[in-house]
């Protein structure tokens, strides 16, 4: 499972099950959000001597593609339109949407 998360972190092909998405959320998204919040607290009026903005933008840019890839693959796994990925960019709905993706089971196909 970790091999799939590491090697296919930016791939839009395939599907991500609940466990993979949960591992991504706990070990990648939550820590990076906490780091960004910590760096944001250190911002001051004098930005000449402060590199926090640089680090915040660097972290956001490094985690943006995996965020899109994992969310898209998870949406594909549960059979929901990929257009719902917009909810992951809304500040108030982001974590509710992620919780929904973690809890939702894939649809069963009747043969």
N, C-alpha and C. Protein backbone atom coordinates (compact mmCIF):
# COMPACT_ATOMS: atom_id res chain seq x y z
N UNK A 1 0.82 -1.18 0.00
CA UNK A 1 0.00 0.00 0.00
C UNK A 1 0.87 1.26 0.00
N UNK A 2 1.92 1.31 0.84
CA UNK A 2 2.79 2.48 0.87
C UNK A 2 3.54 2.64 -0.44
N UNK A 3 3.86 1.51 -1.09
CA UNK A 3 4.53 1.56 -2.37
C UNK A 3 3.64 2.25 -3.40
N UNK A 4 2.36 1.92 -3.39
CA UNK A 4 1.42 2.54 -4.32
C UNK A 4 1.27 4.03 -4.04
N UNK A 5 1.25 4.40 -2.77
CA UNK A 5 1.13 5.81 -2.40
C UNK A 5 2.36 6.59 -2.83
N UNK A 6 3.54 6.02 -2.65
CA UNK A 6 4.78 6.72 -2.98
C UNK A 6 5.00 6.80 -4.48
N UNK A 7 4.82 5.69 -5.20
CA UNK A 7 5.13 5.67 -6.63
C UNK A 7 4.04 6.29 -7.50
N UNK A 8 2.81 6.25 -7.06
CA UNK A 8 1.72 6.77 -7.88
C UNK A 8 1.07 8.00 -7.24
N UNK A 9 1.87 8.80 -6.54
CA UNK A 9 1.30 9.94 -5.83
C UNK A 9 0.71 10.98 -6.78
N UNK A 10 1.20 11.06 -8.02
CA UNK A 10 0.70 12.07 -8.94
C UNK A 10 -0.08 11.48 -10.11
N UNK A 11 -0.36 10.20 -10.07
CA UNK A 11 -1.06 9.54 -11.17
C UNK A 11 -2.56 9.72 -11.03
N UNK A 12 -3.21 10.06 -12.12
CA UNK A 12 -4.66 10.19 -12.14
C UNK A 12 -5.33 8.90 -12.60
N UNK A 13 -4.53 7.92 -13.00
CA UNK A 13 -5.08 6.65 -13.45
C UNK A 13 -5.28 5.72 -12.26
N UNK A 14 -6.25 4.86 -12.36
CA UNK A 14 -6.51 3.90 -11.31
C UNK A 14 -7.47 4.44 -10.27
N UNK A 15 -7.53 3.73 -9.17
CA UNK A 15 -8.45 4.09 -8.09
C UNK A 15 -7.71 4.02 -6.76
N UNK A 16 -8.19 4.79 -5.81
CA UNK A 16 -7.63 4.78 -4.46
C UNK A 16 -8.71 4.30 -3.50
N UNK A 17 -8.41 3.24 -2.76
CA UNK A 17 -9.41 2.75 -1.81
C UNK A 17 -9.40 3.60 -0.55
N UNK A 18 -10.29 3.27 0.38
CA UNK A 18 -10.43 4.07 1.60
C UNK A 18 -9.16 4.10 2.42
N UNK A 19 -8.50 2.97 2.53
CA UNK A 19 -7.30 2.87 3.35
C UNK A 19 -6.17 3.74 2.79
N UNK A 20 -5.96 3.70 1.48
CA UNK A 20 -4.93 4.54 0.87
C UNK A 20 -5.22 6.01 1.07
N UNK A 21 -6.48 6.39 0.88
CA UNK A 21 -6.85 7.79 1.04
C UNK A 21 -6.68 8.23 2.49
N UNK A 22 -7.02 7.36 3.43
CA UNK A 22 -6.86 7.68 4.84
C UNK A 22 -5.39 7.87 5.20
N UNK A 23 -4.53 7.00 4.70
CA UNK A 23 -3.09 7.11 4.96
C UNK A 23 -2.56 8.41 4.36
N UNK A 24 -2.98 8.72 3.14
CA UNK A 24 -2.56 9.98 2.52
C UNK A 24 -3.01 11.17 3.37
N UNK A 25 -4.25 11.14 3.80
CA UNK A 25 -4.81 12.24 4.57
C UNK A 25 -4.09 12.43 5.90
N UNK A 26 -3.83 11.34 6.61
CA UNK A 26 -3.21 11.43 7.93
C UNK A 26 -1.73 11.78 7.85
N UNK A 27 -1.00 11.18 6.93
CA UNK A 27 0.45 11.35 6.91
C UNK A 27 0.96 12.44 5.97
N UNK A 28 0.13 12.92 5.06
CA UNK A 28 0.61 13.95 4.14
C UNK A 28 -0.18 15.24 4.30
N UNK A 29 -1.49 15.17 4.19
CA UNK A 29 -2.27 16.41 4.17
C UNK A 29 -2.36 17.08 5.54
N UNK A 30 -2.68 16.36 6.58
CA UNK A 30 -2.79 16.98 7.90
C UNK A 30 -1.47 17.58 8.39
N UNK A 31 -0.35 16.86 8.30
CA UNK A 31 0.92 17.48 8.75
C UNK A 31 1.30 18.71 7.95
N UNK A 32 1.09 18.69 6.63
CA UNK A 32 1.45 19.87 5.84
C UNK A 32 0.56 21.05 6.18
N UNK A 33 -0.71 20.80 6.45
CA UNK A 33 -1.60 21.90 6.85
C UNK A 33 -1.17 22.47 8.20
N UNK A 34 -0.75 21.60 9.11
CA UNK A 34 -0.29 22.08 10.41
C UNK A 34 1.01 22.88 10.29
N UNK A 35 1.90 22.45 9.41
CA UNK A 35 3.15 23.18 9.18
C UNK A 35 2.85 24.56 8.60
N UNK A 36 1.94 24.61 7.63
CA UNK A 36 1.58 25.89 7.03
C UNK A 36 0.96 26.81 8.08
N UNK A 37 0.10 26.28 8.93
CA UNK A 37 -0.49 27.11 9.98
C UNK A 37 0.58 27.62 10.95
N UNK A 38 1.53 26.77 11.29
CA UNK A 38 2.62 27.17 12.18
C UNK A 38 3.46 28.27 11.54
N UNK A 39 3.79 28.12 10.25
CA UNK A 39 4.58 29.13 9.56
C UNK A 39 3.80 30.44 9.40
N UNK A 40 2.50 30.32 9.21
CA UNK A 40 1.67 31.50 9.06
C UNK A 40 1.63 32.33 10.34
N UNK A 41 1.70 31.66 11.48
CA UNK A 41 1.70 32.37 12.76
C UNK A 41 2.97 33.20 12.93
N UNK A 42 4.06 32.80 12.27
CA UNK A 42 5.32 33.52 12.40
C UNK A 42 5.45 34.71 11.49
N UNK A 43 4.46 34.96 10.64
CA UNK A 43 4.55 36.10 9.73
C UNK A 43 4.46 37.41 10.51
N UNK A 44 5.29 38.34 10.11
CA UNK A 44 5.29 39.65 10.76
C UNK A 44 5.10 40.72 9.70
N UNK A 45 5.05 41.95 10.14
CA UNK A 45 4.91 43.07 9.21
C UNK A 45 6.16 43.20 8.34
N UNK A 46 7.33 43.01 8.91
CA UNK A 46 8.59 43.12 8.20
C UNK A 46 8.87 41.81 7.48
N UNK A 47 8.62 41.76 6.18
CA UNK A 47 8.79 40.52 5.43
C UNK A 47 10.18 40.39 4.81
N UNK A 48 11.05 41.39 5.00
CA UNK A 48 12.39 41.33 4.42
C UNK A 48 13.21 40.19 5.02
N UNK A 49 13.10 39.98 6.29
CA UNK A 49 13.90 38.96 6.98
C UNK A 49 13.12 37.67 7.22
N UNK A 50 11.98 37.55 6.62
CA UNK A 50 11.12 36.41 6.91
C UNK A 50 10.91 35.56 5.65
N UNK A 51 11.29 34.29 5.72
CA UNK A 51 11.14 33.39 4.59
C UNK A 51 9.92 32.49 4.72
N UNK A 52 9.06 32.76 5.68
CA UNK A 52 7.90 31.90 5.89
C UNK A 52 6.98 31.86 4.68
N UNK A 53 6.81 32.97 4.00
CA UNK A 53 5.95 32.98 2.81
C UNK A 53 6.52 32.04 1.76
N UNK A 54 7.85 32.07 1.59
CA UNK A 54 8.48 31.16 0.63
C UNK A 54 8.22 29.70 0.99
N UNK A 55 8.37 29.36 2.26
CA UNK A 55 8.15 27.98 2.68
C UNK A 55 6.68 27.57 2.57
N UNK A 56 5.79 28.49 2.88
CA UNK A 56 4.36 28.18 2.74
C UNK A 56 4.02 27.89 1.29
N UNK A 57 4.49 28.72 0.37
CA UNK A 57 4.22 28.49 -1.05
C UNK A 57 4.90 27.22 -1.55
N UNK A 58 6.08 26.93 -1.06
CA UNK A 58 6.77 25.70 -1.45
C UNK A 58 5.99 24.47 -1.01
N UNK A 59 5.52 24.47 0.22
CA UNK A 59 4.75 23.33 0.73
C UNK A 59 3.45 23.17 -0.04
N UNK A 60 2.77 24.26 -0.29
CA UNK A 60 1.50 24.19 -1.03
C UNK A 60 1.75 23.66 -2.44
N UNK A 61 2.80 24.11 -3.10
CA UNK A 61 3.08 23.64 -4.46
C UNK A 61 3.49 22.16 -4.49
N UNK A 62 4.20 21.71 -3.47
CA UNK A 62 4.62 20.30 -3.45
C UNK A 62 3.46 19.35 -3.13
N UNK A 63 2.45 19.82 -2.44
CA UNK A 63 1.34 18.95 -2.07
C UNK A 63 0.11 19.13 -2.93
N UNK A 64 0.12 20.08 -3.86
CA UNK A 64 -1.05 20.34 -4.68
C UNK A 64 -1.36 19.19 -5.63
N UNK A 65 -0.36 18.70 -6.36
CA UNK A 65 -0.58 17.62 -7.31
C UNK A 65 -1.02 16.32 -6.62
N UNK A 66 -0.38 15.90 -5.53
CA UNK A 66 -0.89 14.70 -4.85
C UNK A 66 -2.31 14.88 -4.32
N UNK A 67 -2.65 16.07 -3.88
CA UNK A 67 -4.02 16.33 -3.42
C UNK A 67 -5.01 16.08 -4.55
N UNK A 68 -4.74 16.60 -5.72
CA UNK A 68 -5.62 16.39 -6.86
C UNK A 68 -5.66 14.92 -7.28
N UNK A 69 -4.51 14.28 -7.31
CA UNK A 69 -4.44 12.90 -7.77
C UNK A 69 -5.19 11.95 -6.84
N UNK A 70 -4.93 12.04 -5.55
CA UNK A 70 -5.59 11.13 -4.60
C UNK A 70 -7.09 11.38 -4.55
N UNK A 71 -7.50 12.63 -4.58
CA UNK A 71 -8.92 12.92 -4.52
C UNK A 71 -9.61 12.44 -5.79
N UNK A 72 -8.99 12.64 -6.94
CA UNK A 72 -9.58 12.18 -8.20
C UNK A 72 -9.69 10.66 -8.23
N UNK A 73 -8.64 9.98 -7.80
CA UNK A 73 -8.69 8.51 -7.80
C UNK A 73 -9.71 7.99 -6.81
N UNK A 74 -9.87 8.67 -5.68
CA UNK A 74 -10.87 8.23 -4.69
C UNK A 74 -12.29 8.47 -5.21
N UNK A 75 -12.51 9.60 -5.88
CA UNK A 75 -13.82 9.86 -6.48
C UNK A 75 -14.15 8.81 -7.54
N UNK A 76 -13.14 8.41 -8.31
CA UNK A 76 -13.34 7.38 -9.33
C UNK A 76 -13.70 6.04 -8.66
N UNK A 77 -13.08 5.75 -7.52
CA UNK A 77 -13.34 4.50 -6.80
C UNK A 77 -14.76 4.41 -6.28
N UNK A 78 -15.31 5.51 -5.80
CA UNK A 78 -16.66 5.45 -5.25
C UNK A 78 -17.73 5.79 -6.29
N UNK A 79 -17.32 6.07 -7.52
CA UNK A 79 -18.28 6.26 -8.60
C UNK A 79 -18.94 7.62 -8.62
N UNK A 80 -18.26 8.64 -8.16
CA UNK A 80 -18.80 10.00 -8.17
C UNK A 80 -18.05 10.81 -9.22
N UNK A 81 -18.74 11.76 -9.83
CA UNK A 81 -18.14 12.61 -10.86
C UNK A 81 -16.92 13.35 -10.32
N UNK A 82 -15.91 13.46 -11.18
CA UNK A 82 -14.67 14.13 -10.76
C UNK A 82 -14.86 15.63 -10.57
N UNK A 83 -15.97 16.18 -10.98
CA UNK A 83 -16.25 17.59 -10.79
C UNK A 83 -16.40 17.97 -9.32
N UNK A 84 -16.68 16.98 -8.49
CA UNK A 84 -16.82 17.24 -7.05
C UNK A 84 -15.50 17.59 -6.39
N UNK A 85 -14.41 17.49 -7.12
CA UNK A 85 -13.10 17.82 -6.56
C UNK A 85 -13.03 19.29 -6.15
N UNK A 86 -13.91 20.10 -6.71
CA UNK A 86 -13.95 21.52 -6.36
C UNK A 86 -14.18 21.71 -4.86
N UNK A 87 -14.90 20.79 -4.24
CA UNK A 87 -15.17 20.91 -2.80
C UNK A 87 -13.90 20.84 -1.96
N UNK A 88 -12.84 20.23 -2.49
CA UNK A 88 -11.61 20.14 -1.72
C UNK A 88 -10.85 21.47 -1.69
N UNK A 89 -11.31 22.46 -2.44
CA UNK A 89 -10.67 23.77 -2.44
C UNK A 89 -11.45 24.80 -1.63
N UNK A 90 -12.62 24.45 -1.17
CA UNK A 90 -13.43 25.37 -0.36
C UNK A 90 -13.02 25.23 1.10
N UNK A 91 -12.64 26.33 1.73
CA UNK A 91 -12.08 26.26 3.08
C UNK A 91 -12.98 25.58 4.11
N UNK A 92 -14.26 25.86 4.11
CA UNK A 92 -15.13 25.33 5.15
C UNK A 92 -15.59 23.90 4.87
N UNK A 93 -15.63 23.52 3.60
CA UNK A 93 -16.10 22.18 3.25
C UNK A 93 -14.99 21.17 3.03
N UNK A 94 -13.75 21.62 3.01
CA UNK A 94 -12.63 20.75 2.69
C UNK A 94 -12.58 19.49 3.56
N UNK A 95 -12.62 19.67 4.87
CA UNK A 95 -12.45 18.52 5.75
C UNK A 95 -13.72 17.67 5.85
N UNK A 96 -14.86 18.28 5.67
CA UNK A 96 -16.11 17.50 5.62
C UNK A 96 -16.10 16.62 4.37
N UNK A 97 -15.64 17.19 3.25
CA UNK A 97 -15.55 16.43 2.01
C UNK A 97 -14.53 15.30 2.13
N UNK A 98 -13.39 15.57 2.75
CA UNK A 98 -12.37 14.52 2.95
C UNK A 98 -12.90 13.41 3.85
N UNK A 99 -13.62 13.77 4.89
CA UNK A 99 -14.22 12.77 5.77
C UNK A 99 -15.23 11.92 5.01
N UNK A 100 -16.01 12.55 4.14
CA UNK A 100 -16.95 11.81 3.30
C UNK A 100 -16.20 10.81 2.42
N UNK A 101 -15.10 11.25 1.82
CA UNK A 101 -14.33 10.35 0.96
C UNK A 101 -13.72 9.19 1.74
N UNK A 102 -13.38 9.42 2.99
CA UNK A 102 -12.80 8.36 3.81
C UNK A 102 -13.87 7.35 4.21
N UNK A 103 -15.06 7.82 4.52
CA UNK A 103 -16.13 6.96 5.03
C UNK A 103 -16.87 6.22 3.90
N UNK A 104 -17.09 6.86 2.77
CA UNK A 104 -17.91 6.32 1.69
C UNK A 104 -17.33 5.03 1.14
N UNK A 105 -18.18 4.02 1.03
CA UNK A 105 -17.79 2.74 0.45
C UNK A 105 -18.05 2.77 -1.05
N UNK A 106 -17.26 2.03 -1.83
CA UNK A 106 -17.49 1.99 -3.28
C UNK A 106 -18.82 1.29 -3.58
N UNK A 107 -19.42 1.70 -4.72
CA UNK A 107 -20.67 1.07 -5.12
C UNK A 107 -20.40 -0.33 -5.63
N UNK A 108 -21.29 -1.25 -5.28
CA UNK A 108 -21.16 -2.62 -5.75
C UNK A 108 -21.82 -2.74 -7.12
N UNK A 109 -21.16 -3.45 -8.00
CA UNK A 109 -21.68 -3.67 -9.34
C UNK A 109 -22.43 -5.00 -9.36
N UNK A 110 -23.67 -4.96 -9.75
CA UNK A 110 -24.48 -6.18 -9.85
C UNK A 110 -24.26 -6.82 -11.20
N UNK A 111 -23.90 -8.09 -11.16
CA UNK A 111 -23.63 -8.81 -12.43
C UNK A 111 -24.73 -9.82 -12.65
